[in-house]
Every structure is written in C-alpha cells, then in structure tokens.
Amino acid sequence: MIVGLLLVVLVVLVSLLGWRWNQLEVAQTSRAGRRMVKRMRGRSGRRRLHQRAL
C-alpha cells in the first residue's frame, strides 16, 4: 500500500516538473525543445501531454 502511494506521488511530481520544464525548453528553443521532449518522454508522455501545447 505505502509503496503504491509513493509511486503515485512521484509520478505526479515528475509530471508537473516535466510540464513546466517543457514550457521553458520550448520557450527557449522551439525546434530543439520539441525534439528533446519527444526523446525524453516516450509513449506515456505523448498521451499525457496536450498536443495543442506542442
């Protein structure tokens, strides 16, 4: 039970931090930012991220 809760919390924190980092990265460099985002975040990342933002 405790391990499951910790995993969920970690996933939420990573997703929030990654979302903000993606915004900063895209703001600095649009082309390189999008490429890095695609590489860093695999299958799960594309589903969570909104395609409109990208």
Protein backbone atom coordinates (compact mmCIF):
# COMPACT_ATOMS: atom_id res chain seq x y z
CA MET A 1 0.00 0.00 0.00
CA ILE A 2 2.66 2.53 1.05
CA VAL A 3 4.85 1.75 -1.97
CA GLY A 4 1.90 2.33 -4.32
CA LEU A 5 1.16 5.72 -2.78
CA LEU A 6 4.81 6.76 -3.06
CA LEU A 7 4.90 5.75 -6.72
CA VAL A 8 1.76 7.78 -7.45
CA VAL A 9 3.20 10.85 -5.70
CA LEU A 10 6.48 10.53 -7.61
CA VAL A 11 4.66 10.25 -10.94
CA VAL A 12 2.60 13.37 -10.19
CA LEU A 13 5.65 15.40 -9.14
CA VAL A 14 7.65 14.31 -12.17
CA SER A 15 4.75 15.12 -14.49
CA LEU A 16 4.30 18.61 -13.03
CA LEU A 17 8.04 19.38 -13.10
CA GLY A 18 8.37 17.96 -16.61
CA TRP A 19 5.42 20.07 -17.81
CA ARG A 20 6.97 23.30 -16.52
CA TRP A 21 10.42 22.29 -17.84
CA ASN A 22 8.89 21.56 -21.24
CA GLN A 23 7.35 25.05 -21.35
CA LEU A 24 10.71 26.68 -20.55
CA GLU A 25 12.55 24.48 -23.03
CA VAL A 26 10.09 25.23 -25.85
CA ALA A 27 10.21 28.95 -24.99
CA GLN A 28 13.99 28.99 -25.30
CA THR A 29 14.33 26.79 -28.38
CA SER A 30 11.24 25.69 -30.25
CA ARG A 31 12.73 23.13 -32.65
CA ALA A 32 15.32 21.61 -30.30
CA GLY A 33 12.81 21.76 -27.42
CA ARG A 34 10.22 19.71 -29.28
CA ARG A 35 12.81 17.12 -30.30
CA MET A 36 14.09 16.76 -26.73
CA VAL A 37 10.56 16.46 -25.37
CA LYS A 38 9.80 13.64 -27.82
CA ARG A 39 13.02 11.85 -26.87
CA MET A 40 12.73 12.36 -23.09
CA ARG A 41 9.05 11.41 -22.91
CA GLY A 42 8.18 8.18 -24.69
CA ARG A 43 4.78 6.55 -25.15
CA SER A 44 3.26 7.64 -21.83
CA GLY A 45 4.50 11.23 -22.22
CA ARG A 46 2.72 11.77 -25.53
CA ARG A 47 -0.59 10.60 -24.06
CA ARG A 48 -0.35 12.86 -21.01
CA LEU A 49 0.89 15.97 -22.80
CA HIS A 50 -1.63 18.01 -24.77
CA GLN A 51 -0.81 18.01 -28.47
CA ARG A 52 -2.16 21.56 -28.70
CA ALA A 53 0.62 22.90 -26.45
CA LEU A 54 3.26 21.24 -28.61
